[in-house]
Amino acid sequence: MTPTEIKSQFYKKTNSSKIKVEENGKQAVFLNPNRSAYFVIRVDGHLIKNKVACDFVVSKEEFADLMIELKGMDVDHAVEQVLSTAKFWHDTALREGKIAALVVSSRYPRFDSKVARYKEKFARQFKGPLHLVTKNQEYCMERVVEFNGPL
């Protein structure tokens, strides 16, 4: 499937002032006060089937793509999912600019060194940040795609 076919079939365009993705009680809301064009792509089980993938990608045209995994407890698997999806995004020329990842989980891994290794691996492969958070919050896309984000 070409990038154009993928975009026409799976991208849902929105200009909403708040863009919300949610699953299993976890959510992330992106503030869009200027009502810019964003795309919400349901990935796991929709665009990518029978493979490891994150739940959503929120994309701002010509700016960035944010891989989002809304997870319960298994942070290791969540990181695997965002890494796999980021690779797919890069390899299929869907990339709009920066690539970043946000994992919203029920628990934060105990070992800071493990989290640091995850973040370093994502940064090395995609030149963007990986953020792990434990609360449903509102975010500004421009902050989430920065290394000193997400808030």
N, C-alpha and C. Protein backbone atom coordinates (compact mmCIF):
# COMPACT_ATOMS: atom_id res chain seq x y z
N MET A 1 0.84 -1.17 0.00
CA MET A 1 0.00 0.00 0.00
C MET A 1 0.90 1.25 0.00
N THR A 2 0.59 2.21 -0.85
CA THR A 2 1.40 3.43 -0.95
C THR A 2 1.05 4.39 0.20
N PRO A 3 1.94 5.34 0.49
CA PRO A 3 1.61 6.34 1.52
C PRO A 3 0.31 7.09 1.23
N THR A 4 0.03 7.39 -0.03
CA THR A 4 -1.20 8.09 -0.40
C THR A 4 -2.42 7.24 -0.09
N GLU A 5 -2.35 5.94 -0.40
CA GLU A 5 -3.46 5.03 -0.11
C GLU A 5 -3.67 4.89 1.40
N ILE A 6 -2.58 4.79 2.15
CA ILE A 6 -2.67 4.69 3.61
C ILE A 6 -3.33 5.94 4.16
N LYS A 7 -2.89 7.11 3.71
CA LYS A 7 -3.45 8.37 4.22
C LYS A 7 -4.94 8.48 3.89
N SER A 8 -5.34 8.12 2.70
CA SER A 8 -6.76 8.26 2.33
C SER A 8 -7.64 7.26 3.09
N GLN A 9 -7.10 6.12 3.44
CA GLN A 9 -7.91 5.09 4.09
C GLN A 9 -7.90 5.17 5.62
N PHE A 10 -6.77 5.53 6.23
CA PHE A 10 -6.64 5.41 7.68
C PHE A 10 -6.52 6.73 8.44
N TYR A 11 -6.23 7.83 7.77
CA TYR A 11 -6.04 9.11 8.45
C TYR A 11 -7.39 9.78 8.67
N LYS A 12 -7.64 10.18 9.91
CA LYS A 12 -8.86 10.91 10.23
C LYS A 12 -8.44 12.35 10.57
N LYS A 13 -8.83 13.29 9.71
CA LYS A 13 -8.45 14.69 9.89
C LYS A 13 -9.35 15.36 10.91
N THR A 14 -8.75 16.21 11.76
CA THR A 14 -9.51 16.97 12.74
C THR A 14 -8.89 18.35 12.93
N ASN A 15 -9.75 19.31 13.16
CA ASN A 15 -9.33 20.67 13.51
C ASN A 15 -9.87 21.04 14.89
N SER A 16 -10.22 20.05 15.65
CA SER A 16 -10.80 20.26 16.97
C SER A 16 -9.83 20.99 17.88
N SER A 17 -10.37 21.73 18.84
CA SER A 17 -9.50 22.46 19.79
C SER A 17 -8.85 21.51 20.79
N LYS A 18 -9.43 20.32 20.97
CA LYS A 18 -8.84 19.29 21.83
C LYS A 18 -8.94 17.96 21.07
N ILE A 19 -7.80 17.33 20.89
CA ILE A 19 -7.75 16.06 20.16
C ILE A 19 -7.48 14.97 21.19
N LYS A 20 -8.43 14.06 21.34
CA LYS A 20 -8.33 13.06 22.38
C LYS A 20 -8.21 11.67 21.78
N VAL A 21 -7.26 10.90 22.32
CA VAL A 21 -7.15 9.48 22.00
C VAL A 21 -7.29 8.73 23.32
N GLU A 22 -8.05 7.65 23.30
CA GLU A 22 -8.26 6.92 24.54
C GLU A 22 -8.50 5.44 24.27
N GLU A 23 -8.13 4.65 25.30
CA GLU A 23 -8.33 3.20 25.24
C GLU A 23 -8.14 2.65 26.64
N ASN A 24 -9.03 1.78 27.05
CA ASN A 24 -8.94 1.08 28.34
C ASN A 24 -8.69 2.01 29.53
N GLY A 25 -9.37 3.12 29.57
CA GLY A 25 -9.24 4.04 30.70
C GLY A 25 -8.03 4.96 30.65
N LYS A 26 -7.18 4.79 29.68
CA LYS A 26 -6.02 5.67 29.50
C LYS A 26 -6.30 6.62 28.36
N GLN A 27 -5.80 7.85 28.47
CA GLN A 27 -6.03 8.82 27.41
C GLN A 27 -4.93 9.86 27.37
N ALA A 28 -4.86 10.52 26.24
CA ALA A 28 -3.98 11.68 26.04
C ALA A 28 -4.80 12.69 25.24
N VAL A 29 -4.77 13.94 25.67
CA VAL A 29 -5.50 15.00 25.00
C VAL A 29 -4.49 16.03 24.54
N PHE A 30 -4.59 16.43 23.28
CA PHE A 30 -3.67 17.41 22.70
C PHE A 30 -4.42 18.70 22.44
N LEU A 31 -3.90 19.78 23.01
CA LEU A 31 -4.52 21.09 22.86
C LEU A 31 -4.20 21.66 21.49
N ASN A 32 -5.20 22.23 20.84
CA ASN A 32 -5.05 22.77 19.51
C ASN A 32 -5.80 24.11 19.43
N PRO A 33 -5.33 25.12 20.16
CA PRO A 33 -6.06 26.39 20.22
C PRO A 33 -6.19 27.09 18.87
N ASN A 34 -5.25 26.88 17.97
CA ASN A 34 -5.31 27.51 16.64
C ASN A 34 -6.13 26.70 15.64
N ARG A 35 -6.62 25.56 16.10
CA ARG A 35 -7.41 24.66 15.26
C ARG A 35 -6.68 24.28 13.97
N SER A 36 -5.40 23.95 14.14
CA SER A 36 -4.59 23.47 13.02
C SER A 36 -5.06 22.09 12.60
N ALA A 37 -4.68 21.67 11.42
CA ALA A 37 -5.04 20.34 10.93
C ALA A 37 -4.17 19.28 11.58
N TYR A 38 -4.80 18.33 12.22
CA TYR A 38 -4.15 17.17 12.80
C TYR A 38 -4.78 15.93 12.18
N PHE A 39 -4.03 14.83 12.23
CA PHE A 39 -4.56 13.55 11.78
C PHE A 39 -4.41 12.56 12.92
N VAL A 40 -5.46 11.81 13.16
CA VAL A 40 -5.44 10.76 14.17
C VAL A 40 -5.54 9.44 13.40
N ILE A 41 -4.56 8.58 13.64
CA ILE A 41 -4.51 7.31 12.93
C ILE A 41 -4.57 6.18 13.96
N ARG A 42 -5.58 5.34 13.85
CA ARG A 42 -5.70 4.16 14.70
C ARG A 42 -4.79 3.12 14.07
N VAL A 43 -3.77 2.68 14.78
CA VAL A 43 -2.74 1.84 14.18
C VAL A 43 -2.94 0.36 14.51
N ASP A 44 -2.84 0.00 15.77
CA ASP A 44 -2.89 -1.41 16.18
C ASP A 44 -4.25 -2.02 15.85
N GLY A 45 -4.23 -3.04 14.99
CA GLY A 45 -5.46 -3.73 14.61
C GLY A 45 -6.20 -3.07 13.45
N HIS A 46 -5.72 -1.94 13.00
CA HIS A 46 -6.36 -1.24 11.89
C HIS A 46 -5.37 -1.09 10.75
N LEU A 47 -4.48 -0.10 10.83
CA LEU A 47 -3.46 0.08 9.81
C LEU A 47 -2.46 -1.08 9.83
N ILE A 48 -2.04 -1.46 11.01
CA ILE A 48 -1.10 -2.58 11.17
C ILE A 48 -1.83 -3.70 11.89
N LYS A 49 -1.96 -4.84 11.22
CA LYS A 49 -2.66 -5.99 11.79
C LYS A 49 -1.69 -7.14 12.00
N ASN A 50 -1.89 -7.85 13.09
CA ASN A 50 -1.12 -9.07 13.40
C ASN A 50 0.38 -8.82 13.54
N LYS A 51 0.74 -7.63 13.92
CA LYS A 51 2.14 -7.29 14.21
C LYS A 51 2.16 -6.38 15.43
N VAL A 52 3.34 -6.19 15.98
CA VAL A 52 3.49 -5.30 17.13
C VAL A 52 3.35 -3.86 16.65
N ALA A 53 2.43 -3.11 17.28
CA ALA A 53 2.21 -1.71 16.89
C ALA A 53 1.60 -0.95 18.06
N CYS A 54 1.79 0.35 18.08
CA CYS A 54 1.19 1.19 19.12
C CYS A 54 -0.28 1.45 18.79
N ASP A 55 -0.99 2.04 19.73
CA ASP A 55 -2.42 2.27 19.56
C ASP A 55 -2.74 3.34 18.52
N PHE A 56 -2.08 4.49 18.62
CA PHE A 56 -2.40 5.63 17.77
C PHE A 56 -1.13 6.34 17.30
N VAL A 57 -1.28 7.06 16.21
CA VAL A 57 -0.32 8.08 15.82
C VAL A 57 -1.12 9.36 15.65
N VAL A 58 -0.66 10.42 16.29
CA VAL A 58 -1.24 11.74 16.07
C VAL A 58 -0.21 12.51 15.27
N SER A 59 -0.66 13.04 14.14
CA SER A 59 0.25 13.68 13.20
C SER A 59 -0.18 15.11 12.93
N LYS A 60 0.77 16.00 12.94
CA LYS A 60 0.53 17.39 12.55
C LYS A 60 1.30 17.60 11.25
N GLU A 61 0.56 17.94 10.21
CA GLU A 61 1.14 18.04 8.87
C GLU A 61 2.41 18.88 8.85
N GLU A 62 3.44 18.32 8.19
CA GLU A 62 4.73 18.97 7.99
C GLU A 62 5.42 19.39 9.28
N PHE A 63 5.02 18.75 10.41
CA PHE A 63 5.65 19.09 11.68
C PHE A 63 6.17 17.85 12.41
N ALA A 64 5.26 16.93 12.76
CA ALA A 64 5.69 15.79 13.56
C ALA A 64 4.65 14.68 13.56
N ASP A 65 5.14 13.49 13.92
CA ASP A 65 4.30 12.32 14.13
C ASP A 65 4.59 11.80 15.53
N LEU A 66 3.54 11.60 16.30
CA LEU A 66 3.68 11.16 17.68
C LEU A 66 3.08 9.77 17.83
N MET A 67 3.94 8.78 18.15
CA MET A 67 3.49 7.42 18.40
C MET A 67 2.94 7.38 19.82
N ILE A 68 1.73 6.86 20.00
CA ILE A 68 1.10 6.85 21.32
C ILE A 68 0.67 5.44 21.68
N GLU A 69 1.10 4.99 22.85
CA GLU A 69 0.66 3.71 23.39
C GLU A 69 0.00 3.98 24.74
N LEU A 70 -1.23 3.54 24.87
CA LEU A 70 -2.01 3.68 26.09
C LEU A 70 -2.03 2.30 26.74
N LYS A 71 -1.27 2.15 27.83
CA LYS A 71 -0.95 0.82 28.35
C LYS A 71 -1.34 0.67 29.81
N GLY A 72 -1.56 -0.56 30.19
CA GLY A 72 -1.79 -0.87 31.60
C GLY A 72 -0.47 -0.92 32.34
N MET A 73 0.09 -2.11 32.48
CA MET A 73 1.28 -2.30 33.32
C MET A 73 2.56 -2.63 32.55
N ASP A 74 2.46 -3.18 31.38
CA ASP A 74 3.63 -3.72 30.68
C ASP A 74 4.35 -2.65 29.86
N VAL A 75 5.19 -1.89 30.54
CA VAL A 75 5.91 -0.79 29.90
C VAL A 75 6.92 -1.31 28.88
N ASP A 76 7.54 -2.45 29.16
CA ASP A 76 8.50 -3.03 28.21
C ASP A 76 7.83 -3.28 26.86
N HIS A 77 6.65 -3.87 26.89
CA HIS A 77 5.92 -4.14 25.65
C HIS A 77 5.48 -2.84 24.98
N ALA A 78 5.09 -1.85 25.77
CA ALA A 78 4.69 -0.54 25.22
C ALA A 78 5.83 0.10 24.44
N VAL A 79 7.03 0.02 24.99
CA VAL A 79 8.19 0.59 24.30
C VAL A 79 8.45 -0.17 23.00
N GLU A 80 8.33 -1.48 23.04
CA GLU A 80 8.49 -2.29 21.83
C GLU A 80 7.46 -1.86 20.77
N GLN A 81 6.25 -1.57 21.19
CA GLN A 81 5.19 -1.17 20.26
C GLN A 81 5.48 0.18 19.61
N VAL A 82 5.93 1.17 20.39
CA VAL A 82 6.21 2.48 19.78
C VAL A 82 7.45 2.42 18.90
N LEU A 83 8.44 1.63 19.28
CA LEU A 83 9.63 1.48 18.44
C LEU A 83 9.27 0.83 17.09
N SER A 84 8.46 -0.20 17.13
CA SER A 84 8.05 -0.89 15.92
C SER A 84 7.25 0.03 15.00
N THR A 85 6.33 0.78 15.57
CA THR A 85 5.51 1.69 14.76
C THR A 85 6.34 2.82 14.18
N ALA A 86 7.25 3.37 14.96
CA ALA A 86 8.12 4.45 14.46
C ALA A 86 8.95 3.95 13.28
N LYS A 87 9.44 2.72 13.36
CA LYS A 87 10.20 2.15 12.25
C LYS A 87 9.31 2.02 11.01
N PHE A 88 8.10 1.52 11.19
CA PHE A 88 7.14 1.40 10.08
C PHE A 88 6.88 2.78 9.47
N TRP A 89 6.68 3.78 10.31
CA TRP A 89 6.39 5.14 9.84
C TRP A 89 7.54 5.68 9.01
N HIS A 90 8.73 5.45 9.50
CA HIS A 90 9.93 5.93 8.80
C HIS A 90 10.12 5.18 7.48
N ASP A 91 9.98 3.86 7.52
CA ASP A 91 10.23 3.02 6.34
C ASP A 91 9.20 3.19 5.23
N THR A 92 7.96 3.56 5.57
CA THR A 92 6.92 3.69 4.56
C THR A 92 6.73 5.13 4.09
N ALA A 93 7.62 6.01 4.47
CA ALA A 93 7.58 7.41 4.03
C ALA A 93 6.31 8.13 4.48
N LEU A 94 5.78 7.76 5.64
CA LEU A 94 4.63 8.47 6.20
C LEU A 94 5.06 9.65 7.07
N ARG A 95 6.32 9.71 7.37
CA ARG A 95 6.87 10.69 8.29
C ARG A 95 6.60 12.12 7.82
N GLU A 96 6.10 12.95 8.75
CA GLU A 96 5.80 14.35 8.47
C GLU A 96 6.92 15.29 8.91
N GLY A 97 7.79 14.84 9.75
CA GLY A 97 8.86 15.68 10.29
C GLY A 97 9.50 14.94 11.44
N LYS A 98 9.39 15.53 12.62
CA LYS A 98 9.94 14.88 13.82
C LYS A 98 9.12 13.64 14.14
N ILE A 99 9.80 12.68 14.79
CA ILE A 99 9.12 11.50 15.32
C ILE A 99 9.36 11.47 16.81
N ALA A 100 8.28 11.27 17.57
CA ALA A 100 8.37 11.18 19.02
C ALA A 100 7.41 10.10 19.49
N ALA A 101 7.51 9.74 20.78
CA ALA A 101 6.62 8.71 21.32
C ALA A 101 6.19 9.09 22.73
N LEU A 102 4.95 8.73 23.04
CA LEU A 102 4.36 8.96 24.35
C LEU A 102 3.70 7.66 24.81
N VAL A 103 4.13 7.17 25.97
CA VAL A 103 3.53 5.99 26.56
C VAL A 103 2.82 6.43 27.83
N VAL A 104 1.50 6.21 27.89
CA VAL A 104 0.71 6.50 29.08
C VAL A 104 0.40 5.16 29.70
N SER A 105 0.95 4.90 30.89
CA SER A 105 0.79 3.59 31.52
C SER A 105 0.30 3.73 32.95
N SER A 106 -0.08 2.61 33.52
CA SER A 106 -0.53 2.58 34.91
C SER A 106 0.63 2.62 35.88
N ARG A 107 1.80 2.22 35.41
CA ARG A 107 2.94 2.23 36.32
C ARG A 107 4.19 2.67 35.59
N TYR A 108 5.06 3.30 36.32
CA TYR A 108 6.34 3.74 35.81
C TYR A 108 7.35 2.66 36.18
N PRO A 109 8.23 2.25 35.27
CA PRO A 109 9.22 1.22 35.61
C PRO A 109 10.06 1.63 36.82
N ARG A 110 10.42 0.68 37.64
CA ARG A 110 11.17 0.95 38.87
C ARG A 110 12.57 1.47 38.61
N PHE A 111 13.21 0.97 37.61
CA PHE A 111 14.61 1.28 37.40
C PHE A 111 14.78 2.44 36.44
N ASP A 112 15.30 3.54 36.95
CA ASP A 112 15.53 4.71 36.11
C ASP A 112 16.49 4.39 34.97
N SER A 113 17.45 3.49 35.21
CA SER A 113 18.41 3.14 34.15
C SER A 113 17.70 2.45 32.98
N LYS A 114 16.68 1.67 33.28
CA LYS A 114 15.93 0.99 32.23
C LYS A 114 15.18 2.02 31.38
N VAL A 115 14.56 2.98 32.02
CA VAL A 115 13.86 4.05 31.32
C VAL A 115 14.85 4.84 30.47
N ALA A 116 16.01 5.13 31.03
CA ALA A 116 17.04 5.88 30.30
C ALA A 116 17.48 5.11 29.05
N ARG A 117 17.63 3.80 29.16
CA ARG A 117 18.01 2.98 28.00
C ARG A 117 16.93 3.03 26.92
N TYR A 118 15.66 2.95 27.33
CA TYR A 118 14.55 3.06 26.37
C TYR A 118 14.61 4.39 25.63
N LYS A 119 14.79 5.47 26.39
CA LYS A 119 14.81 6.81 25.80
C LYS A 119 16.00 6.98 24.86
N GLU A 120 17.15 6.47 25.26
CA GLU A 120 18.35 6.55 24.42
C GLU A 120 18.18 5.77 23.12
N LYS A 121 17.58 4.58 23.21
CA LYS A 121 17.36 3.75 22.02
C LYS A 121 16.44 4.47 21.04
N PHE A 122 15.34 5.03 21.52
CA PHE A 122 14.41 5.73 20.64
C PHE A 122 15.10 6.95 20.02
N ALA A 123 15.81 7.71 20.83
CA ALA A 123 16.51 8.91 20.34
C ALA A 123 17.56 8.55 19.29
N ARG A 124 18.29 7.48 19.52
CA ARG A 124 19.33 7.04 18.58
C ARG A 124 18.71 6.63 17.24
N GLN A 125 17.61 5.89 17.30
CA GLN A 125 17.00 5.38 16.07
C GLN A 125 16.20 6.43 15.30
N PHE A 126 15.52 7.34 16.03
CA PHE A 126 14.58 8.24 15.36
C PHE A 126 14.84 9.72 15.60
N LYS A 127 15.91 10.03 16.34
CA LYS A 127 16.28 11.42 16.60
C LYS A 127 15.17 12.21 17.28
N GLY A 128 14.37 11.51 18.08
CA GLY A 128 13.27 12.15 18.79
C GLY A 128 13.12 11.57 20.18
N PRO A 129 12.29 12.20 21.01
CA PRO A 129 12.13 11.76 22.39
C PRO A 129 11.07 10.67 22.58
N LEU A 130 11.26 9.90 23.62
CA LEU A 130 10.28 8.95 24.12
C LEU A 130 9.93 9.41 25.53
N HIS A 131 8.65 9.64 25.78
CA HIS A 131 8.20 10.06 27.11
C HIS A 131 7.31 8.98 27.71
N LEU A 132 7.55 8.68 28.99
CA LEU A 132 6.73 7.73 29.74
C LEU A 132 6.03 8.50 30.86
N VAL A 133 4.70 8.44 30.88
CA VAL A 133 3.92 9.14 31.91
C VAL A 133 2.90 8.18 32.50
N THR A 134 2.40 8.53 33.69
CA THR A 134 1.44 7.65 34.37
C THR A 134 0.08 8.30 34.56
N LYS A 135 -0.12 9.50 34.06
CA LYS A 135 -1.39 10.18 34.26
C LYS A 135 -2.01 10.58 32.93
N ASN A 136 -3.34 10.54 32.88
CA ASN A 136 -4.07 11.09 31.75
C ASN A 136 -3.97 12.60 31.85
N GLN A 137 -3.40 13.25 30.83
CA GLN A 137 -3.19 14.68 30.89
C GLN A 137 -3.46 15.33 29.54
N GLU A 138 -3.41 16.67 29.56
CA GLU A 138 -3.50 17.45 28.33
C GLU A 138 -2.09 17.89 27.96
N TYR A 139 -1.80 17.86 26.66
CA TYR A 139 -0.46 18.17 26.17
C TYR A 139 -0.53 19.16 25.02
N CYS A 140 0.58 19.82 24.82
CA CYS A 140 0.79 20.64 23.63
C CYS A 140 1.75 19.84 22.74
N MET A 141 1.34 19.56 21.52
CA MET A 141 2.14 18.74 20.61
C MET A 141 3.56 19.27 20.48
N GLU A 142 3.71 20.57 20.39
CA GLU A 142 5.03 21.17 20.23
C GLU A 142 5.96 20.84 21.40
N ARG A 143 5.41 20.65 22.60
CA ARG A 143 6.22 20.28 23.76
C ARG A 143 6.52 18.78 23.81
N VAL A 144 5.56 17.98 23.38
CA VAL A 144 5.75 16.52 23.46
C VAL A 144 6.85 16.06 22.51
N VAL A 145 7.02 16.73 21.40
CA VAL A 145 8.04 16.29 20.44
C VAL A 145 9.43 16.83 20.76
N GLU A 146 9.55 17.54 21.87
CA GLU A 146 10.85 18.03 22.34
C GLU A 146 11.41 17.10 23.42
N PHE A 147 12.71 17.03 23.52
CA PHE A 147 13.35 16.18 24.51
C PHE A 147 13.05 16.63 25.93
N ASN A 148 12.83 17.90 26.16
CA ASN A 148 12.54 18.39 27.51
C ASN A 148 11.04 18.42 27.81
N GLY A 149 10.22 17.81 26.96
CA GLY A 149 8.77 17.73 27.17
C GLY A 149 8.45 16.60 28.14
N PRO A 150 7.23 16.19 28.26
CA PRO A 150 6.10 16.56 27.43
C PRO A 150 5.29 17.74 27.96
N LEU A 151 5.52 18.14 29.20
CA LEU A 151 4.71 19.24 29.75
C LEU A 151 5.47 20.55 29.80
